[in-house]
Protein backbone atom coordinates (compact mmCIF):
# COMPACT_ATOMS: atom_id res chain seq x y z
CA MET A 1 -13.48 9.22 4.40
CA SER A 2 -11.85 5.81 4.81
CA GLU A 3 -8.51 5.28 6.53
CA LYS A 4 -5.53 6.01 4.32
CA GLN A 5 -1.96 7.27 4.49
CA ASN A 6 -2.72 10.46 6.43
CA ILE A 7 -5.99 9.53 8.18
CA GLU A 8 -6.51 7.15 11.12
CA TYR A 9 -9.68 6.37 13.12
CA LYS A 10 -9.78 5.21 16.74
CA SER A 11 -12.91 4.56 18.79
CA ILE A 12 -11.24 5.50 22.10
CA TRP A 13 -8.12 7.36 23.17
CA LYS A 14 -5.04 5.49 24.40
CA ASP A 15 -1.74 7.14 25.29
CA GLU A 16 0.03 4.76 22.91
CA TYR A 17 -1.54 6.73 20.07
CA LEU A 18 1.16 9.30 20.72
CA LYS A 19 3.28 6.95 18.58
CA TRP A 20 0.88 7.52 15.65
CA ILE A 21 1.17 11.28 16.13
CA CYS A 22 4.98 10.91 16.20
CA GLY A 23 4.79 8.96 12.92
CA TYR A 24 2.70 11.66 11.26
CA ALA A 25 5.06 14.42 12.44
CA ASN A 26 8.05 12.57 10.97
CA ALA A 27 6.29 11.90 7.66
CA GLN A 28 3.89 14.12 5.73
CA GLY A 29 1.56 14.98 8.60
CA GLY A 30 -1.98 13.65 9.04
CA MET A 31 -5.16 13.51 11.08
CA LEU A 32 -6.14 11.17 13.92
CA TYR A 33 -9.83 10.93 14.82
CA ILE A 34 -10.93 9.71 18.25
CA GLY A 35 -14.55 8.52 18.50
CA LYS A 36 -14.88 6.98 15.04
CA ASP A 37 -14.81 3.34 13.93
CA ASP A 38 -12.63 1.91 11.17
CA ASN A 39 -15.18 3.00 8.54
CA GLY A 40 -15.15 6.60 9.73
CA GLU A 41 -18.59 6.36 11.36
CA VAL A 42 -19.05 8.36 14.57
CA VAL A 43 -19.37 6.12 17.65
CA GLY A 44 -18.78 8.85 20.21
CA VAL A 45 -16.10 9.22 22.88
CA ASN A 46 -16.46 9.67 26.63
CA ASP A 47 -14.84 12.59 28.47
CA SER A 48 -14.36 14.43 25.18
CA LYS A 49 -13.93 17.81 26.85
CA LYS A 50 -11.28 16.44 29.22
CA LEU A 51 -9.44 14.86 26.27
CA LEU A 52 -9.63 18.21 24.49
CA GLU A 53 -7.31 19.53 27.22
CA ASP A 54 -5.28 16.40 28.02
CA ILE A 55 -4.22 15.38 24.49
CA PRO A 56 -2.39 18.60 23.47
CA ASN A 57 -0.61 18.65 26.84
CA LYS A 58 0.56 15.03 26.49
CA VAL A 59 1.71 15.64 22.92
CA ARG A 60 3.69 18.68 24.04
CA ASP A 61 5.23 16.98 27.10
CA VAL A 62 6.10 13.61 25.48
CA LEU A 63 6.81 14.55 21.85
CA GLY A 64 7.81 18.18 22.25
CA ILE A 65 5.53 19.39 19.44
CA LEU A 66 2.20 21.20 19.13
CA VAL A 67 -0.91 19.85 17.43
CA ASP A 68 -4.39 21.21 16.77
CA VAL A 69 -7.08 19.34 18.72
CA ASN A 70 -10.69 20.02 17.73
CA LEU A 71 -13.94 18.79 19.32
CA TYR A 72 -16.98 18.06 17.16
CA GLU A 73 -20.44 17.46 18.59
CA THR A 74 -22.95 15.42 16.53
CA ASP A 75 -26.23 13.58 17.11
CA GLU A 76 -24.30 10.29 17.04
CA GLY A 77 -21.88 11.50 19.69
CA ASN A 78 -18.80 13.65 20.15
CA TYR A 79 -15.50 12.99 18.39
CA ILE A 80 -12.08 14.60 18.43
CA GLU A 81 -9.88 15.57 15.48
CA ILE A 82 -6.11 15.77 16.00
CA VAL A 83 -4.31 17.61 13.18
CA VAL A 84 -0.58 16.90 12.96
CA GLU A 85 1.78 18.94 10.80
CA SER A 86 4.94 17.53 9.19
CA TYR A 87 7.95 18.66 11.23
CA PRO A 88 11.29 19.72 9.69
CA TYR A 89 13.23 18.00 12.49
CA ALA A 90 13.07 14.44 13.84
CA VAL A 91 10.41 13.83 16.51
CA ASN A 92 10.81 10.96 18.97
CA TYR A 93 8.51 9.15 21.38
CA LYS A 94 10.51 8.38 24.54
CA GLY A 95 13.68 7.90 22.47
CA HIS A 96 11.99 5.88 19.71
CA TYR A 97 11.35 7.21 16.20
CA PHE A 98 8.18 6.33 14.31
CA TYR A 99 7.24 7.03 10.72
CA ARG A 100 3.92 6.84 8.90
CA SER A 101 4.34 4.74 5.76
CA GLY A 102 1.21 4.02 3.75
CA SER A 103 -1.44 3.15 6.34
CA THR A 104 1.03 1.68 8.85
CA LYS A 105 3.09 3.01 11.72
CA GLN A 106 6.70 1.83 11.55
CA GLU A 107 9.48 2.20 14.09
CA LEU A 108 12.72 3.29 12.44
CA LYS A 109 15.84 1.36 13.45
CA GLY A 110 19.37 0.73 12.20
CA ALA A 111 20.25 2.00 8.73
CA ALA A 112 16.70 3.27 8.13
CA LEU A 113 16.91 5.44 11.26
CA ASP A 114 20.37 6.73 10.32
CA LYS A 115 19.13 7.70 6.88
CA PHE A 116 16.03 9.40 8.29
CA LEU A 117 18.02 11.45 10.83
CA LEU A 118 20.50 12.53 8.14
CA GLN A 119 17.69 13.66 5.84
CA LYS A 120 16.08 15.67 8.64
CA LYS A 121 19.44 17.40 9.12
CA GLY A 122 19.64 18.13 5.40
CA LYS A 123 22.53 15.70 4.84
CA GLN A 124 23.05 12.84 2.42
CA TRP A 125 24.68 9.55 3.37
CA ASP A 126 27.77 10.20 1.25
CA GLY A 127 28.27 13.62 2.90
CA VAL A 128 28.81 12.30 6.44
CA PRO A 129 32.32 13.00 7.86
CA ILE A 130 34.40 9.97 8.93
CA PRO A 131 36.98 10.22 11.76
CA ASN A 132 40.37 8.46 11.92
CA VAL A 133 41.01 8.60 8.15
CA SER A 134 43.45 11.11 6.67
CA VAL A 135 44.30 12.32 3.18
CA ALA A 136 47.53 10.29 3.43
CA ASP A 137 45.41 7.11 3.59
CA LEU A 138 43.94 7.77 0.13
CA LYS A 139 45.34 6.47 -3.16
CA HIS A 140 47.38 9.21 -4.79
CA GLU A 141 47.43 7.43 -8.17
CA THR A 142 43.67 7.88 -8.27
CA PHE A 143 44.06 11.62 -7.75
CA ASP A 144 46.45 11.71 -10.71
CA PHE A 145 43.94 9.76 -12.81
CA PHE A 146 41.14 12.12 -11.75
CA LYS A 147 43.18 15.23 -12.68
CA LYS A 148 44.20 13.91 -16.10
CA LYS A 149 40.65 12.88 -16.95
CA GLY A 150 39.16 16.14 -15.69
CA ILE A 151 41.66 18.30 -17.61
CA ARG A 152 41.15 16.26 -20.78
CA SER A 153 37.38 16.77 -20.55
CA LEU A 154 37.86 20.52 -19.81
CA ARG A 155 36.10 20.17 -16.44
CA LEU A 156 39.31 21.09 -14.65
CA SER A 157 41.75 23.84 -15.57
CA ASP A 158 45.28 23.01 -16.70
CA ASP A 159 46.54 24.48 -13.43
CA SER A 160 44.73 21.71 -11.54
CA VAL A 161 47.60 19.37 -12.36
CA LYS A 162 49.54 21.16 -9.59
CA ASP A 163 46.79 20.75 -6.98
CA THR A 164 47.55 18.59 -3.98
CA PRO A 165 45.08 15.86 -2.96
CA LEU A 166 43.94 18.09 -0.09
CA GLN A 167 43.25 20.99 -2.46
CA LEU A 168 41.29 18.71 -4.80
CA LEU A 169 39.21 17.34 -1.94
CA GLU A 170 38.43 20.85 -0.71
CA ASN A 171 37.51 22.01 -4.23
CA LEU A 172 35.20 19.00 -4.59
CA LYS A 173 33.68 19.77 -1.17
CA LEU A 174 34.64 16.32 0.07
CA MET A 175 35.89 17.65 3.41
CA GLU A 176 33.96 18.79 6.46
CA GLY A 177 36.37 20.66 8.63
CA GLU A 178 39.36 18.38 9.08
CA PHE A 179 37.38 15.22 8.32
CA LEU A 180 36.95 13.37 5.03
CA LYS A 181 33.42 12.67 3.88
CA ARG A 182 32.27 9.14 3.08
CA ALA A 183 32.22 10.06 -0.61
CA ALA A 184 35.96 10.80 -0.48
CA LEU A 185 36.66 7.29 0.82
CA LEU A 186 34.51 5.66 -1.84
CA LEU A 187 36.14 7.71 -4.60
CA PHE A 188 39.79 7.72 -3.58
CA HIS A 189 40.54 5.15 -0.88
CA PRO A 190 42.41 1.99 -2.01
CA ASP A 191 40.00 -0.21 -0.02
CA PRO A 192 36.68 1.54 0.68
CA GLU A 193 35.16 -1.76 1.84
CA LYS A 194 37.01 -1.25 5.15
CA TYR A 195 34.47 1.50 5.82
CA VAL A 196 31.48 0.68 3.61
CA THR A 197 30.09 -2.85 3.40
CA GLY A 198 29.23 -4.03 -0.10
CA ALA A 199 31.10 -1.22 -1.87
CA TYR A 200 32.00 -3.36 -4.88
CA ILE A 201 30.43 -4.74 -8.07
CA LYS A 202 29.42 -8.30 -8.96
CA ILE A 203 29.21 -9.43 -12.58
CA GLY A 204 27.78 -12.75 -13.66
CA PHE A 205 26.99 -14.50 -16.94
CA PHE A 206 23.75 -16.49 -16.77
CA GLU A 207 22.41 -19.15 -19.12
CA SER A 208 19.10 -18.80 -17.26
CA ASP A 209 18.03 -17.14 -14.00
CA ALA A 210 19.15 -20.23 -12.08
CA ASP A 211 22.27 -21.13 -14.10
CA LEU A 212 25.32 -18.96 -13.37
CA ILE A 213 28.08 -19.90 -15.82
CA PHE A 214 30.90 -17.61 -14.61
CA GLN A 215 31.33 -14.48 -12.53
CA ASP A 216 33.70 -11.74 -11.39
CA GLU A 217 33.94 -9.27 -8.51
CA VAL A 218 35.34 -5.77 -9.01
CA HIS A 219 36.88 -4.10 -5.95
CA GLY A 220 38.79 -0.89 -5.30
CA ASN A 221 37.59 2.71 -5.28
CA LEU A 222 34.77 3.90 -7.54
CA PHE A 223 37.03 5.23 -10.29
CA GLU A 224 38.84 1.88 -10.42
CA GLN A 225 35.53 0.02 -10.37
CA ILE A 226 34.17 1.98 -13.33
CA GLU A 227 37.23 1.39 -15.50
CA THR A 228 37.67 -2.28 -14.56
CA THR A 229 33.97 -3.10 -14.90
CA VAL A 230 33.65 -1.60 -18.37
CA ASP A 231 36.86 -3.34 -19.51
CA LEU A 232 35.67 -6.69 -18.14
CA LEU A 233 32.24 -6.41 -19.71
CA PHE A 234 33.54 -5.63 -23.17
CA SER A 235 36.41 -8.12 -23.13
CA LYS A 236 34.78 -11.10 -21.43
CA TYR A 237 31.00 -10.76 -21.28
CA ILE A 238 29.88 -8.84 -24.38
CA LYS A 239 30.67 -10.13 -27.86
CA ALA A 240 32.08 -7.97 -30.62
CA LEU A 241 30.99 -8.41 -34.23
CA ILE A 242 34.05 -8.12 -36.50
CA SER A 243 33.87 -6.41 -39.88
CA TYR A 244 36.34 -4.63 -42.18
CA GLU A 245 36.37 -1.26 -43.87
CA GLY A 246 39.06 -1.73 -46.47
CA ILE A 247 41.97 -3.13 -44.50
CA SER A 248 40.76 -1.64 -41.19
CA ARG A 249 39.24 -4.02 -38.65
CA VAL A 250 36.00 -2.71 -37.11
CA GLU A 251 34.52 -4.08 -33.87
CA THR A 252 30.81 -3.49 -33.26
CA TYR A 253 29.64 -4.56 -29.81
CA GLU A 254 26.26 -6.05 -28.97
CA TYR A 255 25.51 -2.99 -26.83
CA PRO A 256 26.80 0.59 -27.20
CA LYS A 257 29.71 0.96 -24.78
CA ASP A 258 28.74 4.49 -23.79
CA ALA A 259 25.16 3.39 -23.00
CA VAL A 260 26.39 0.61 -20.71
CA ARG A 261 28.87 2.98 -19.06
CA GLU A 262 26.07 5.51 -18.49
CA ALA A 263 23.90 2.85 -16.84
CA LEU A 264 26.81 1.91 -14.57
CA LEU A 265 27.43 5.56 -13.62
CA ASN A 266 23.74 5.99 -12.77
CA ALA A 267 23.85 2.89 -10.57
CA ILE A 268 26.91 4.21 -8.69
CA ALA A 269 25.48 7.70 -8.14
CA HIS A 270 22.01 6.44 -7.12
CA LYS A 271 22.99 3.43 -5.03
CA ASP A 272 21.97 3.37 -1.37
CA TYR A 273 25.41 2.51 0.07
CA SER A 274 23.96 2.15 3.57
CA SER A 275 22.16 -1.01 2.39
CA GLY A 276 25.37 -3.07 2.36
CA ALA A 277 24.34 -4.54 -1.01
CA THR A 278 26.62 -4.70 -4.04
CA ILE A 279 25.84 -3.36 -7.49
CA GLN A 280 24.93 -6.42 -9.56
CA ILE A 281 25.37 -6.83 -13.30
CA SER A 282 23.69 -9.88 -14.87
CA VAL A 283 24.57 -10.74 -18.46
CA TYR A 284 22.42 -13.14 -20.48
CA ASP A 285 22.51 -14.26 -24.08
CA ASP A 286 19.91 -11.64 -25.01
CA LYS A 287 20.13 -8.91 -22.34
CA LEU A 288 22.31 -7.09 -19.83
CA MET A 289 20.84 -6.03 -16.47
CA ILE A 290 22.29 -3.63 -13.89
CA TRP A 291 20.80 -3.42 -10.37
CA ASN A 292 21.51 -0.97 -7.59
CA ALA A 293 20.00 -0.88 -4.10
CA GLY A 294 17.77 2.01 -3.22
CA GLN A 295 14.21 2.90 -2.31
CA LEU A 296 12.02 5.26 -4.26
CA PRO A 297 10.85 8.32 -2.33
CA LYS A 298 7.29 7.94 -1.11
CA ASP A 299 4.60 8.12 -3.82
CA TRP A 300 7.18 8.16 -6.64
CA THR A 301 6.75 5.92 -9.65
CA VAL A 302 9.62 4.66 -11.82
CA GLU A 303 8.61 7.34 -14.34
CA THR A 304 9.00 10.01 -11.64
CA LEU A 305 12.41 8.56 -10.77
CA LEU A 306 13.57 8.84 -14.36
CA ARG A 307 12.24 12.37 -14.69
CA LYS A 308 13.23 13.91 -11.34
CA HIS A 309 15.66 11.65 -9.50
CA ALA A 310 17.97 11.43 -12.52
CA SER A 311 18.89 15.06 -12.00
CA ASN A 312 18.90 14.71 -8.19
CA PRO A 313 21.34 11.86 -7.51
CA TYR A 314 21.11 9.92 -4.27
CA ASN A 315 24.81 10.61 -3.63
CA PRO A 316 25.37 14.23 -4.77
CA ASP A 317 29.02 14.42 -3.65
CA ILE A 318 29.87 11.28 -5.63
CA ALA A 319 27.90 12.56 -8.62
CA ASN A 320 29.72 15.90 -8.52
CA ALA A 321 33.13 14.18 -8.58
CA LEU A 322 32.04 12.00 -11.52
CA PHE A 323 30.90 15.13 -13.36
CA ARG A 324 34.13 17.03 -12.65
CA SER A 325 36.16 14.08 -13.88
CA GLY A 326 34.32 14.11 -17.21
CA TYR A 327 32.56 10.76 -16.75
CA ILE A 328 29.22 12.54 -16.88
CA GLU A 329 28.50 15.13 -19.59
CA SER A 330 25.53 16.77 -17.92
CA TRP A 331 23.93 15.27 -14.84
CA GLY A 332 20.28 14.43 -15.46
CA ARG A 333 20.76 13.51 -19.14
CA GLY A 334 21.87 9.94 -18.49
CA ILE A 335 18.49 8.35 -19.23
CA SER A 336 17.97 10.16 -22.53
CA LYS A 337 21.59 9.54 -23.53
CA MET A 338 21.25 5.79 -22.93
CA THR A 339 17.99 5.72 -24.88
CA ASN A 340 19.35 7.65 -27.86
CA LEU A 341 22.51 5.52 -28.08
CA CYS A 342 20.48 2.32 -28.12
CA LEU A 343 18.05 3.60 -30.74
CA GLU A 344 20.92 4.80 -32.94
CA ALA A 345 22.40 1.29 -32.73
CA GLY A 346 19.09 -0.24 -33.78
CA LEU A 347 18.45 -1.69 -30.31
CA PRO A 348 15.36 -1.49 -28.08
CA LYS A 349 15.13 1.32 -25.54
CA PRO A 350 16.56 0.52 -22.09
CA GLU A 351 13.94 -0.77 -19.66
CA PHE A 352 13.63 0.44 -16.06
CA GLU A 353 11.96 -1.58 -13.33
CA TYR A 354 11.71 -1.00 -9.58
CA ASP A 355 11.38 -4.14 -7.44
CA SER A 356 10.96 -2.60 -3.92
CA THR A 357 14.65 -3.09 -3.07
CA GLY A 358 16.25 -1.25 -5.94
CA LEU A 359 16.24 -0.30 -9.60
CA TRP A 360 16.94 -2.57 -12.58
CA VAL A 361 18.16 -1.12 -15.89
CA THR A 362 17.92 -3.64 -18.72
CA HIS A 363 19.60 -3.37 -22.11
CA ARG A 364 18.32 -5.86 -24.69
CA LYS A 365 20.06 -7.11 -27.82
CA ASP A 366 18.37 -6.92 -31.17
CA ILE A 367 18.00 -10.69 -31.37
CA PHE A 368 15.37 -10.27 -34.04
CA ASN A 369 17.67 -10.66 -37.02
CA GLU A 370 17.47 -13.56 -39.44
CA GLU A 371 21.01 -14.86 -38.96
CA HIS A 372 20.64 -15.07 -35.19
CA LEU A 373 17.21 -16.67 -35.39
CA LEU A 374 18.33 -19.37 -37.83
CA GLU A 375 21.33 -20.11 -35.57
CA LYS A 376 18.90 -20.70 -32.70
CA GLY A 377 17.14 -23.38 -34.75
CA LEU A 378 14.01 -21.61 -35.96
CA ASN A 379 12.61 -22.69 -39.30
CA GLU A 380 12.04 -20.13 -42.05
CA ARG A 381 8.33 -19.80 -41.24
CA GLN A 382 9.09 -18.96 -37.63
CA VAL A 383 11.78 -16.48 -38.66
CA ARG A 384 9.28 -14.82 -40.97
CA ALA A 385 6.78 -14.54 -38.11
CA VAL A 386 9.33 -13.07 -35.70
CA MET A 387 10.35 -10.47 -38.27
CA TYR A 388 6.65 -9.70 -38.73
CA VAL A 389 6.37 -9.09 -34.96
CA LYS A 390 9.41 -6.83 -35.13
CA GLU A 391 7.61 -4.63 -37.67
CA ASN A 392 4.03 -4.92 -36.37
CA GLU A 393 4.55 -5.61 -32.63
CA ARG A 394 2.28 -8.72 -32.67
CA VAL A 395 1.09 -11.65 -34.72
CA THR A 396 -2.07 -13.78 -34.47
CA ASN A 397 -2.55 -17.42 -35.38
CA ARG A 398 -4.60 -16.39 -38.43
CA GLU A 399 -1.82 -13.99 -39.56
CA TYR A 400 0.77 -16.75 -39.11
CA GLN A 401 -1.31 -19.03 -41.34
CA ALA A 402 -1.58 -16.34 -44.01
CA LEU A 403 2.13 -15.45 -43.86
CA ASN A 404 3.29 -19.03 -44.25
CA LYS A 405 0.34 -20.74 -46.00
CA VAL A 406 0.03 -23.38 -43.29
CA SER A 407 -2.83 -24.93 -41.35
CA ASN A 408 -4.18 -23.74 -38.02
CA ARG A 409 -2.63 -26.78 -36.35
CA THR A 410 0.86 -26.05 -37.74
CA ALA A 411 0.58 -22.37 -36.84
CA THR A 412 -0.43 -23.23 -33.27
CA TYR A 413 2.45 -25.70 -32.85
CA GLU A 414 5.13 -23.38 -34.27
CA LEU A 415 3.90 -20.34 -32.36
CA THR A 416 3.92 -22.40 -29.15
CA GLU A 417 7.55 -23.29 -29.88
CA LEU A 418 8.43 -19.60 -30.19
CA VAL A 419 6.96 -19.09 -26.72
CA ASP A 420 7.95 -22.20 -24.77
CA ARG A 421 11.08 -23.48 -26.50
CA TYR A 422 12.81 -20.38 -27.83
CA ASN A 423 11.46 -17.78 -25.33
CA LEU A 424 11.21 -15.23 -28.14
CA LEU A 425 7.51 -14.37 -27.94
CA GLU A 426 4.88 -14.12 -25.24
CA LYS A 427 1.26 -15.21 -25.55
CA SER A 428 -1.49 -12.80 -24.51
CA GLY A 429 -5.26 -12.68 -24.70
CA ALA A 430 -7.66 -15.61 -24.93
CA GLY A 431 -9.80 -17.34 -27.53
CA ALA A 432 -10.19 -15.36 -30.74
CA GLY A 433 -8.33 -12.46 -29.11
CA THR A 434 -5.10 -14.43 -28.61
CA TYR A 435 -1.94 -12.85 -30.03
CA TYR A 436 1.83 -13.23 -29.72
CA HIS A 437 4.28 -10.41 -29.03
CA ALA A 438 7.91 -9.78 -28.04
């Protein structure tokens, strides 16, 4: 077996390898072999029988845990196997905490250490109690807003209108003893940034990735941020198409409002607030992107995130309050709701991408309509080709020639324009296998 996430080979024993054992105990467990080279070949180890006694004693005395230590005798020499179980509590090496990530040993510090220790205690970041903040410091208008919205959505009883802020906080489990939890500050405090760095939203309109045309920042508590952000997006950043049904004016937005709201709610509930990063919304001519900080659990793919993490929000106390207020219909259905709303509006499905620091959710406009394409400057042949791609997912040079009755040279030039000038298509493949797609 080669070295991997839960296997490590060492040719000799050094006491510093107690750090590796600490890392395994804090992660998913693993095995450390003494007397093998990096390829897993036995090279033998001296004093193997003494190590068989010394290693478990050192692990117990320094780390405070027990491990299985096994001696194997072979023709190539003796080697030792150390089997480390994953521990439910945090294990430290002389006051330092190590964690096995991939095939590396990492020392946890700062926010990463705080998060790790909370998880080992069964707590989430938003559930930590904060001293020196009282219910009187919270914004009572926000409590009134919360009650009205919750009663209207039937998530709260009519009698809840009489509840005091303290009673609401206790019902929402946003108190721990006499202390407010972090989630309470984010949800109801007039200025949560006094306690949580980066607890606001940035919105920007971009002509390209490097060209920011205008921007806004949305501050206040989370309920205020949700309302203000949605209003800003649909009054300043997202165009409305105007039509009339009889004498009634009808506004149809480029993106379904409920789908965008759902993406924003997901970002708020899943954001890693300990990162100090803001939620970022980037609006382009053809797409809207929402980013929130956060790391995927080990070995999770984006698909796993959408399937499992959607119903297990990073900030459960915040998510519960959003549910009780009626913002969320049923937690865990956000992804499917966004997708269905976009498809019903004739738009592409939302795209999800993880970039090692957080999650992007991208909504794209249906720019593949003839009016829009002609406005961009495409000629009729190019419009015809783009509509062909919309129906068939791709077009080749030969198909372009047949569609438009043009030469190979003209087809090549006009397809290249669709890629390089208009950024509507992408080129894939090579030689006779070249094709163009959205």
